[in-house]
Protein backbone atom coordinates (compact mmCIF):
# COMPACT_ATOMS: atom_id res chain seq x y z
CA MET A 1 0.00 0.00 0.00
CA PRO A 2 1.51 3.37 -1.02
CA LEU A 3 0.67 5.05 2.32
CA ILE A 4 2.59 2.49 4.35
CA GLN A 5 5.51 2.50 1.93
CA GLY A 6 5.58 6.32 1.78
CA HIS A 7 5.07 6.40 -2.00
CA SER A 8 3.22 9.21 -3.76
CA HIS A 9 -0.50 8.61 -4.00
CA SER A 10 -3.73 10.57 -4.22
CA LEU A 11 -6.17 9.30 -1.62
CA SER A 12 -9.66 9.87 -3.04
CA THR A 13 -12.69 10.33 -0.82
CA PHE A 14 -13.68 6.75 -1.73
CA ASP A 15 -10.22 5.50 -0.70
CA GLN A 16 -10.54 7.43 2.57
CA HIS A 17 -13.89 5.73 3.27
CA ILE A 18 -12.39 2.26 2.67
CA LEU A 19 -9.32 3.08 4.78
CA ALA A 20 -11.42 4.55 7.62
CA SER A 21 -13.59 1.41 7.65
CA TRP A 22 -10.53 -0.85 7.79
CA ILE A 23 -9.02 1.27 10.58
CA ALA A 24 -12.24 1.18 12.64
CA LYS A 25 -12.45 -2.60 12.28
CA THR A 26 -8.79 -2.94 13.25
CA VAL A 27 -9.23 -0.80 16.37
CA MET A 28 -12.33 -2.76 17.38
CA VAL A 29 -10.41 -6.04 17.13
CA ALA A 30 -7.17 -4.71 18.69
CA GLU A 31 -9.06 -3.51 21.75
CA TYR A 32 -9.49 -7.16 22.75
CA VAL A 33 -5.74 -7.45 23.44
CA HIS A 34 -6.90 -6.28 26.90
CA PRO A 35 -10.43 -7.74 27.17
CA THR A 36 -11.04 -6.31 30.64
CA HIS A 37 -10.67 -2.76 29.27
CA ILE A 38 -13.23 -2.53 26.47
CA ALA A 39 -14.48 0.98 25.70
CA ILE A 40 -16.10 0.35 22.31
CA PRO A 41 -19.67 -0.85 22.86
CA ASP A 42 -21.21 -3.80 21.04
CA SER A 43 -23.65 -1.38 19.38
CA HIS A 44 -20.68 0.20 17.53
CA ARG A 45 -19.42 -3.22 16.46
CA LEU A 46 -22.88 -4.20 15.18
CA ARG A 47 -23.23 -0.88 13.34
CA MET A 48 -19.82 -1.39 11.75
CA TYR A 49 -20.81 -4.90 10.67
CA ALA A 50 -24.12 -3.71 9.19
CA SER A 51 -22.93 -0.54 7.43
CA GLN A 52 -19.26 -1.35 6.71
CA GLU A 53 -18.25 2.13 7.90
CA PRO A 54 -17.21 3.67 11.22
CA PRO A 55 -20.15 4.38 13.51
CA GLU A 56 -21.30 7.78 14.68
CA GLY A 57 -18.97 9.18 17.31
CA TRP A 58 -15.80 8.03 15.51
CA GLN A 59 -13.07 10.35 14.23
CA ILE A 60 -10.02 9.16 12.29
CA TRP A 61 -6.93 11.03 11.13
CA ILE A 62 -3.81 9.92 9.27
CA ALA A 63 -0.35 11.42 8.92
CA HIS A 64 2.79 10.71 6.98
CA TYR A 65 5.33 9.31 9.45
CA ALA A 66 9.08 9.73 9.08
CA GLY A 67 10.29 8.24 12.36
CA ILE A 68 11.43 4.78 13.40
CA LYS A 69 9.67 3.93 16.71
CA TRP A 70 6.18 3.47 15.26
CA ARG A 71 7.10 1.73 11.97
CA ASN A 72 6.64 -1.89 13.00
CA LEU A 73 2.91 -1.88 13.79
CA ALA A 74 2.87 -0.19 17.17
CA ILE A 75 -0.49 0.36 18.88
CA TYR A 76 -1.12 2.69 21.81
CA HIS A 77 -4.60 2.50 23.31
CA HIS A 78 -6.12 4.82 25.93
CA MET A 79 -9.62 4.45 27.31
CA GLY A 80 -11.65 6.30 29.90
CA GLY A 81 -14.97 7.69 30.93
CA LEU A 82 -15.98 11.19 29.91
CA ALA A 83 -19.61 11.04 31.06
CA ASN A 84 -18.81 8.89 34.10
CA PRO A 85 -15.19 8.24 35.15
CA SER A 86 -16.09 4.74 36.37
CA ALA A 87 -17.56 3.68 32.98
CA LEU A 88 -15.48 3.32 29.81
CA ASP A 89 -17.16 5.36 27.07
CA THR A 90 -14.27 6.83 25.06
CA GLN A 91 -11.11 5.44 23.47
CA PHE A 92 -8.08 6.95 21.78
CA THR A 93 -5.91 4.66 19.66
CA SER A 94 -2.68 5.47 17.85
CA ILE A 95 -1.30 3.06 15.26
CA GLY A 96 1.96 3.25 13.38
CA MET A 97 2.96 1.09 10.44
CA GLY A 98 5.62 1.94 7.95
CA HIS A 99 5.19 5.57 6.92
CA LEU A 100 1.56 5.72 8.08
CA PHE A 101 0.49 7.05 11.48
CA ILE A 102 -3.17 6.74 12.45
CA GLN A 103 -5.08 8.47 15.26
CA VAL A 104 -8.57 7.25 16.17
CA VAL A 105 -11.04 8.56 18.73
CA SER A 106 -14.45 7.14 19.46
CA THR A 107 -16.99 7.97 22.12
CA THR A 108 -20.57 7.18 23.01
CA VAL A 109 -20.96 10.59 24.66
CA PRO A 110 -23.14 12.71 22.34
CA GLY A 111 -21.98 16.11 21.14
CA ILE A 112 -18.28 15.69 21.86
CA GLU A 113 -15.84 16.32 19.05
CA PHE A 114 -12.09 15.96 19.13
CA GLY A 115 -9.47 17.26 16.79
CA PRO A 116 -5.78 17.75 16.34
CA GLU A 117 -4.10 20.97 17.36
CA ASP A 118 -3.85 23.72 14.76
CA GLY A 119 -0.99 23.17 12.34
CA SER A 120 -0.98 19.41 12.91
CA GLU A 121 0.29 17.00 10.30
CA LEU A 122 -2.83 14.87 10.89
CA ARG A 123 -5.40 14.78 8.06
CA GLN A 124 -9.00 13.83 8.80
CA ILE A 125 -10.45 10.91 6.87
CA TRP A 126 -13.50 10.26 9.08
CA PRO A 127 -16.10 11.68 9.33
CA ARG A 128 -15.99 11.95 5.58
CA THR A 129 -14.47 14.98 3.98
CA SER A 130 -14.98 16.21 0.45
CA LEU A 131 -11.26 16.55 -0.25
CA ASP A 132 -8.76 14.15 -1.76
CA ILE A 133 -5.46 13.84 0.11
CA ASN A 134 -2.13 13.99 -1.70
CA TRP A 135 0.37 11.60 -0.15
CA PRO A 136 2.85 11.97 1.32
CA ALA A 137 2.01 15.23 2.99
CA CYS A 138 4.54 18.06 2.90
CA ARG A 139 5.31 17.61 6.60
CA ALA A 140 5.75 14.27 8.30
CA LEU A 141 5.43 13.27 11.94
CA THR A 142 8.70 12.58 13.72
CA ASP A 143 9.05 10.08 16.56
CA ARG A 144 8.69 12.91 19.05
CA ALA A 145 5.55 14.27 17.37
CA ALA A 146 3.96 10.80 17.09
CA ASP A 147 4.67 10.13 20.77
CA TYR A 148 3.14 13.51 21.63
CA VAL A 149 -0.07 12.68 19.74
CA ALA A 150 -0.28 9.15 21.17
CA ALA A 151 0.28 10.26 24.76
CA SER A 152 -1.94 13.32 24.74
CA PRO A 153 -5.64 12.45 24.71
CA SER A 154 -6.27 15.20 27.25
CA ARG A 155 -4.79 17.81 24.90
CA MET A 156 -6.81 16.42 21.96
CA ALA A 157 -9.95 16.67 24.07
CA GLY A 158 -9.05 20.23 24.98
CA ASP A 159 -9.53 19.49 28.68
CA ALA A 160 -6.51 19.14 30.97
CA SER A 161 -8.69 17.45 33.62
CA LEU A 162 -8.83 14.33 31.43
CA LEU A 163 -5.16 13.59 32.03
CA ASN A 164 -5.87 11.62 35.23
CA LEU A 165 -8.63 9.63 33.55
CA TRP A 166 -6.30 8.42 30.84
CA ALA A 167 -3.01 8.13 32.71
CA GLY A 168 -4.02 4.95 34.55
CA ALA A 169 -4.85 2.76 31.57
CA PRO A 170 -2.49 3.26 28.61
CA ASN A 171 -1.52 -0.02 26.99
CA ARG A 172 1.23 -0.12 24.40
CA SER A 173 1.29 -3.31 22.43
CA ALA A 174 3.37 -4.39 19.50
CA VAL A 175 1.20 -6.60 17.35
CA ALA A 176 2.76 -8.89 14.78
């Protein structure tokens, strides 16, 4: 795949839909590496199965990655409770493979939207956009920038009080 290999490619809106669906499915499956910490509800899994696209409440971004740490299929998964700290209702997952870095957020809390900081290298692919993406992007994430994104769900949420919710449950797994 050109994105993983870092080759030039134009990612059409159709391609973005297919990629976002694959990413959502991958995150849903990868979450079961730690089956006692499941934040994605069965209703999202059933919706994904029925519609073959990420459910409502999902946001997905991609970035060109130029580092080394995240190249060999690294996954960093945070989960927590936004509506109720004792109930898991939101997850942040970062995935790196080759020259592709992926950031995913999903929540069952209505009306909450997340997004990268201004000037970020991350490009939204879900919810759908009307723009094709030229790959690779002009700027690429470094190891330091990828680590910053993966370890900063509180900054992405725009609420520093989330830091304690997320700090207790990060799980970094290398998946072969």
